[in-house]
PDB file of N, CA and C in Angstrom:
ATOM      1  N   UNK A   1       0.853  -1.192   0.000  1.00  0.00           N
ATOM      2  CA  UNK A   1       0.000   0.000   0.000  1.00  0.00           C
ATOM      3  C   UNK A   1       0.890   1.243   0.000  1.00  0.00           C
ATOM      4  N   UNK A   2       0.581   2.181  -0.877  1.00  0.00           N
ATOM      5  CA  UNK A   2       1.384   3.396  -0.965  1.00  0.00           C
ATOM      6  C   UNK A   2       1.070   4.344   0.188  1.00  0.00           C
ATOM      7  N   UNK A   3       1.953   5.303   0.375  1.00  0.00           N
ATOM      8  CA  UNK A   3       1.740   6.308   1.415  1.00  0.00           C
ATOM      9  C   UNK A   3       0.435   7.049   1.172  1.00  0.00           C
ATOM     10  N   UNK A   4       0.187   7.424  -0.071  1.00  0.00           N
ATOM     11  CA  UNK A   4      -1.042   8.151  -0.392  1.00  0.00           C
ATOM     12  C   UNK A   4      -2.272   7.305  -0.071  1.00  0.00           C
ATOM     13  N   UNK A   5      -2.208   6.016  -0.386  1.00  0.00           N
ATOM     14  CA  UNK A   5      -3.344   5.135  -0.105  1.00  0.00           C
ATOM     15  C   UNK A   5      -3.582   5.019   1.401  1.00  0.00           C
ATOM     16  N   UNK A   6      -2.503   4.945   2.168  1.00  0.00           N
ATOM     17  CA  UNK A   6      -2.634   4.882   3.626  1.00  0.00           C
ATOM     18  C   UNK A   6      -3.268   6.152   4.164  1.00  0.00           C
ATOM     19  N   UNK A   7      -2.817   7.292   3.652  1.00  0.00           N
ATOM     20  CA  UNK A   7      -3.372   8.567   4.097  1.00  0.00           C
ATOM     21  C   UNK A   7      -4.853   8.678   3.743  1.00  0.00           C
ATOM     22  N   UNK A   8      -5.197   8.248   2.543  1.00  0.00           N
ATOM     23  CA  UNK A   8      -6.596   8.316   2.125  1.00  0.00           C
ATOM     24  C   UNK A   8      -7.470   7.394   2.974  1.00  0.00           C
ATOM     25  N   UNK A   9      -6.954   6.227   3.335  1.00  0.00           N
ATOM     26  CA  UNK A   9      -7.705   5.312   4.193  1.00  0.00           C
ATOM     27  C   UNK A   9      -7.903   5.921   5.575  1.00  0.00           C
ATOM     28  N   UNK A  10      -6.853   6.547   6.092  1.00  0.00           N
ATOM     29  CA  UNK A  10      -6.943   7.198   7.407  1.00  0.00           C
ATOM     30  C   UNK A  10      -7.940   8.356   7.351  1.00  0.00           C
ATOM     31  N   UNK A  11      -7.893   9.108   6.257  1.00  0.00           N
ATOM     32  CA  UNK A  11      -8.819  10.229   6.098  1.00  0.00           C
ATOM     33  C   UNK A  11     -10.262   9.734   6.074  1.00  0.00           C
ATOM     34  N   UNK A  12     -10.509   8.625   5.378  1.00  0.00           N
ATOM     35  CA  UNK A  12     -11.861   8.060   5.308  1.00  0.00           C
ATOM     36  C   UNK A  12     -12.348   7.664   6.705  1.00  0.00           C
ATOM     37  N   UNK A  13     -11.472   7.040   7.496  1.00  0.00           N
ATOM     38  CA  UNK A  13     -11.850   6.645   8.849  1.00  0.00           C
ATOM     39  C   UNK A  13     -12.203   7.872   9.694  1.00  0.00           C
ATOM     40  N   UNK A  14     -11.426   8.931   9.562  1.00  0.00           N
ATOM     41  CA  UNK A  14     -11.686  10.142  10.333  1.00  0.00           C
ATOM     42  C   UNK A  14     -13.006  10.787   9.906  1.00  0.00           C
ATOM     43  N   UNK A  15     -13.260  10.804   8.600  1.00  0.00           N
ATOM     44  CA  UNK A  15     -14.514  11.371   8.114  1.00  0.00           C
ATOM     45  C   UNK A  15     -15.709  10.573   8.637  1.00  0.00           C
ATOM     46  N   UNK A  16     -15.554   9.251   8.714  1.00  0.00           N
ATOM     47  CA  UNK A  16     -16.630   8.428   9.269  1.00  0.00           C
ATOM     48  C   UNK A  16     -16.842   8.733  10.747  1.00  0.00           C
ATOM     49  N   UNK A  17     -15.770   8.969  11.480  1.00  0.00           N
ATOM     50  CA  UNK A  17     -15.901   9.334  12.892  1.00  0.00           C
ATOM     51  C   UNK A  17     -16.627  10.666  13.042  1.00  0.00           C
ATOM     52  N   UNK A  18     -16.367  11.609  12.143  1.00  0.00           N
ATOM     53  CA  UNK A  18     -17.062  12.900  12.195  1.00  0.00           C
ATOM     54  C   UNK A  18     -18.563  12.709  12.013  1.00  0.00           C
ATOM     55  N   UNK A  19     -18.960  11.748  11.179  1.00  0.00           N
ATOM     56  CA  UNK A  19     -20.381  11.503  10.917  1.00  0.00           C
ATOM     57  C   UNK A  19     -21.094  10.959  12.156  1.00  0.00           C
ATOM     58  N   UNK A  20     -20.318  10.415  13.089  1.00  0.00           N
ATOM     59  CA  UNK A  20     -20.903   9.838  14.307  1.00  0.00           C
ATOM     60  C   UNK A  20     -21.166  10.893  15.380  1.00  0.00           C
ATOM     61  N   UNK A  21     -21.038  12.158  15.013  1.00  0.00           N
ATOM     62  CA  UNK A  21     -21.321  13.282  15.901  1.00  0.00           C
ATOM     63  C   UNK A  21     -20.510  13.228  17.205  1.00  0.00           C
ATOM     64  N   UNK A  22     -19.177  13.339  17.063  1.00  0.00           N
ATOM     65  CA  UNK A  22     -18.333  13.304  18.267  1.00  0.00           C
ATOM     66  C   UNK A  22     -18.487  14.579  19.094  1.00  0.00           C
ATOM     67  N   UNK A  23     -17.981  14.536  20.317  1.00  0.00           N
ATOM     68  CA  UNK A  23     -17.993  15.719  21.162  1.00  0.00           C
ATOM     69  C   UNK A  23     -17.066  16.792  20.594  1.00  0.00           C
ATOM     70  N   UNK A  24     -17.151  18.022  21.121  1.00  0.00           N
ATOM     71  CA  UNK A  24     -16.372  19.132  20.563  1.00  0.00           C
ATOM     72  C   UNK A  24     -14.859  18.903  20.611  1.00  0.00           C
ATOM     73  N   UNK A  25     -14.359  18.286  21.675  1.00  0.00           N
ATOM     74  CA  UNK A  25     -12.914  18.051  21.762  1.00  0.00           C
ATOM     75  C   UNK A  25     -12.458  17.039  20.722  1.00  0.00           C
ATOM     76  N   UNK A  26     -13.219  15.957  20.593  1.00  0.00           N
ATOM     77  CA  UNK A  26     -12.864  14.938  19.599  1.00  0.00           C
ATOM     78  C   UNK A  26     -13.000  15.496  18.190  1.00  0.00           C
ATOM     79  N   UNK A  27     -14.040  16.302  17.976  1.00  0.00           N
ATOM     80  CA  UNK A  27     -14.249  16.898  16.656  1.00  0.00           C
ATOM     81  C   UNK A  27     -13.056  17.772  16.262  1.00  0.00           C
ATOM     82  N   UNK A  28     -12.572  18.595  17.175  1.00  0.00           N
ATOM     83  CA  UNK A  28     -11.445  19.473  16.833  1.00  0.00           C
ATOM     84  C   UNK A  28     -10.179  18.657  16.578  1.00  0.00           C
ATOM     85  N   UNK A  29      -9.997  17.563  17.317  1.00  0.00           N
ATOM     86  CA  UNK A  29      -8.847  16.688  17.095  1.00  0.00           C
ATOM     87  C   UNK A  29      -8.940  16.016  15.724  1.00  0.00           C
ATOM     88  N   UNK A  30     -10.123  15.543  15.364  1.00  0.00           N
ATOM     89  CA  UNK A  30     -10.318  14.920  14.050  1.00  0.00           C
ATOM     90  C   UNK A  30     -10.044  15.937  12.943  1.00  0.00           C
ATOM     91  N   UNK A  31     -10.555  17.154  13.101  1.00  0.00           N
ATOM     92  CA  UNK A  31     -10.346  18.183  12.082  1.00  0.00           C
ATOM     93  C   UNK A  31      -8.869  18.531  11.947  1.00  0.00           C
ATOM     94  N   UNK A  32      -8.144  18.545  13.072  1.00  0.00           N
ATOM     95  CA  UNK A  32      -6.705  18.816  13.033  1.00  0.00           C
ATOM     96  C   UNK A  32      -5.979  17.702  12.276  1.00  0.00           C
ATOM     97  N   UNK A  33      -6.341  16.466  12.545  1.00  0.00           N
ATOM     98  CA  UNK A  33      -5.726  15.333  11.852  1.00  0.00           C
ATOM     99  C   UNK A  33      -6.051  15.358  10.358  1.00  0.00           C
ATOM    100  N   UNK A  34      -7.280  15.726  10.018  1.00  0.00           N
ATOM    101  CA  UNK A  34      -7.654  15.821   8.602  1.00  0.00           C
ATOM    102  C   UNK A  34      -6.821  16.882   7.881  1.00  0.00           C
ATOM    103  N   UNK A  35      -6.560  17.992   8.548  1.00  0.00           N
ATOM    104  CA  UNK A  35      -5.716  19.032   7.954  1.00  0.00           C
ATOM    105  C   UNK A  35      -4.306  18.509   7.705  1.00  0.00           C
ATOM    106  N   UNK A  36      -3.768  17.753   8.674  1.00  0.00           N
ATOM    107  CA  UNK A  36      -2.433  17.180   8.512  1.00  0.00           C
ATOM    108  C   UNK A  36      -2.396  16.211   7.337  1.00  0.00           C
ATOM    109  N   UNK A  37      -3.425  15.396   7.201  1.00  0.00           N
ATOM    110  CA  UNK A  37      -3.488  14.439   6.093  1.00  0.00           C
ATOM    111  C   UNK A  37      -3.571  15.184   4.765  1.00  0.00           C
ATOM    112  N   UNK A  38      -4.408  16.211   4.692  1.00  0.00           N
ATOM    113  CA  UNK A  38      -4.525  16.989   3.457  1.00  0.00           C
ATOM    114  C   UNK A  38      -3.188  17.628   3.090  1.00  0.00           C
ATOM    115  N   UNK A  39      -2.487  18.151   4.081  1.00  0.00           N
ATOM    116  CA  UNK A  39      -1.171  18.751   3.833  1.00  0.00           C
ATOM    117  C   UNK A  39      -0.209  17.704   3.297  1.00  0.00           C
ATOM    118  N   UNK A  40      -0.198  16.535   3.925  1.00  0.00           N
ATOM    119  CA  UNK A  40       0.699  15.460   3.484  1.00  0.00           C
ATOM    120  C   UNK A  40       0.358  15.024   2.052  1.00  0.00           C
ATOM    121  N   UNK A  41      -0.926  14.902   1.747  1.00  0.00           N
ATOM    122  CA  UNK A  41      -1.328  14.513   0.392  1.00  0.00           C
ATOM    123  C   UNK A  41      -0.918  15.573  -0.623  1.00  0.00           C
ATOM    124  N   UNK A  42      -1.057  16.841  -0.267  1.00  0.00           N
ATOM    125  CA  UNK A  42      -0.639  17.917  -1.160  1.00  0.00           C
ATOM    126  C   UNK A  42       0.862  17.866  -1.414  1.00  0.00           C
ATOM    127  N   UNK A  43       1.626  17.604  -0.359  1.00  0.00           N
ATOM    128  CA  UNK A  43       3.081  17.506  -0.521  1.00  0.00           C
ATOM    129  C   UNK A  43       3.453  16.324  -1.405  1.00  0.00           C
ATOM    130  N   UNK A  44       2.784  15.201  -1.233  1.00  0.00           N
ATOM    131  CA  UNK A  44       3.037  14.041  -2.087  1.00  0.00           C
ATOM    132  C   UNK A  44       2.724  14.374  -3.538  1.00  0.00           C
ATOM    133  N   UNK A  45       1.622  15.075  -3.753  1.00  0.00           N
ATOM    134  CA  UNK A  45       1.209  15.433  -5.101  1.00  0.00           C
ATOM    135  C   UNK A  45       2.234  16.360  -5.743  1.00  0.00           C
ATOM    136  N   UNK A  46       2.706  17.349  -4.989  1.00  0.00           N
ATOM    137  CA  UNK A  46       3.706  18.286  -5.512  1.00  0.00           C
ATOM    138  C   UNK A  46       5.028  17.583  -5.800  1.00  0.00           C
ATOM    139  N   UNK A  47       5.308  16.521  -5.047  1.00  0.00           N
ATOM    140  CA  UNK A  47       6.535  15.759  -5.215  1.00  0.00           C
ATOM    141  C   UNK A  47       6.521  14.896  -6.476  1.00  0.00           C
ATOM    142  N   UNK A  48       5.367  14.853  -7.154  1.00  0.00           N
ATOM    143  CA  UNK A  48       5.275  14.073  -8.362  1.00  0.00           C
ATOM    144  C   UNK A  48       4.775  12.669  -8.123  1.00  0.00           C
ATOM    145  N   UNK A  49       4.335  12.380  -6.918  1.00  0.00           N
ATOM    146  CA  UNK A  49       3.854  11.036  -6.595  1.00  0.00           C
ATOM    147  C   UNK A  49       2.369  10.880  -6.923  1.00  0.00           C
ATOM    148  N   UNK A  50       1.726  11.958  -7.293  1.00  0.00           N
ATOM    149  CA  UNK A  50       0.290  11.904  -7.543  1.00  0.00           C
ATOM    150  C   UNK A  50      -0.020  11.360  -8.915  1.00  0.00           C
ATOM    151  N   UNK A  51      -1.307  11.235  -9.187  1.00  0.00           N
ATOM    152  CA  UNK A  51      -1.760  10.697 -10.451  1.00  0.00           C
ATOM    153  C   UNK A  51      -1.805  11.768 -11.545  1.00  0.00           C
ATOM    154  N   UNK A  52      -1.658  13.017 -11.176  1.00  0.00           N
ATOM    155  CA  UNK A  52      -1.720  14.102 -12.136  1.00  0.00           C
ATOM    156  C   UNK A  52      -2.402  15.307 -11.517  1.00  0.00           C
ATOM    157  N   UNK A  53      -2.590  16.352 -12.314  1.00  0.00           N
ATOM    158  CA  UNK A  53      -3.204  17.575 -11.757  1.00  0.00           C
ATOM    159  C   UNK A  53      -4.662  17.345 -11.406  1.00  0.00           C
ATOM    160  N   UNK A  54      -5.151  18.154 -10.471  1.00  0.00           N
ATOM    161  CA  UNK A  54      -6.556  18.062 -10.047  1.00  0.00           C
ATOM    162  C   UNK A  54      -7.476  18.597 -11.116  1.00  0.00           C
TER     163      UNK A  54
END
């Protein structure tokens, strides 16, 4: 499994947790983690590891 695939799987799990209506502290932690994943995916894409432009 590639790094991007792992990040996308982790992002999906976090998004599913958000749908379960977590408390405010958990919600902010999930949102922080989602931002980190998005940043990492953007860096991978800029590095040429992506499938192409959006």
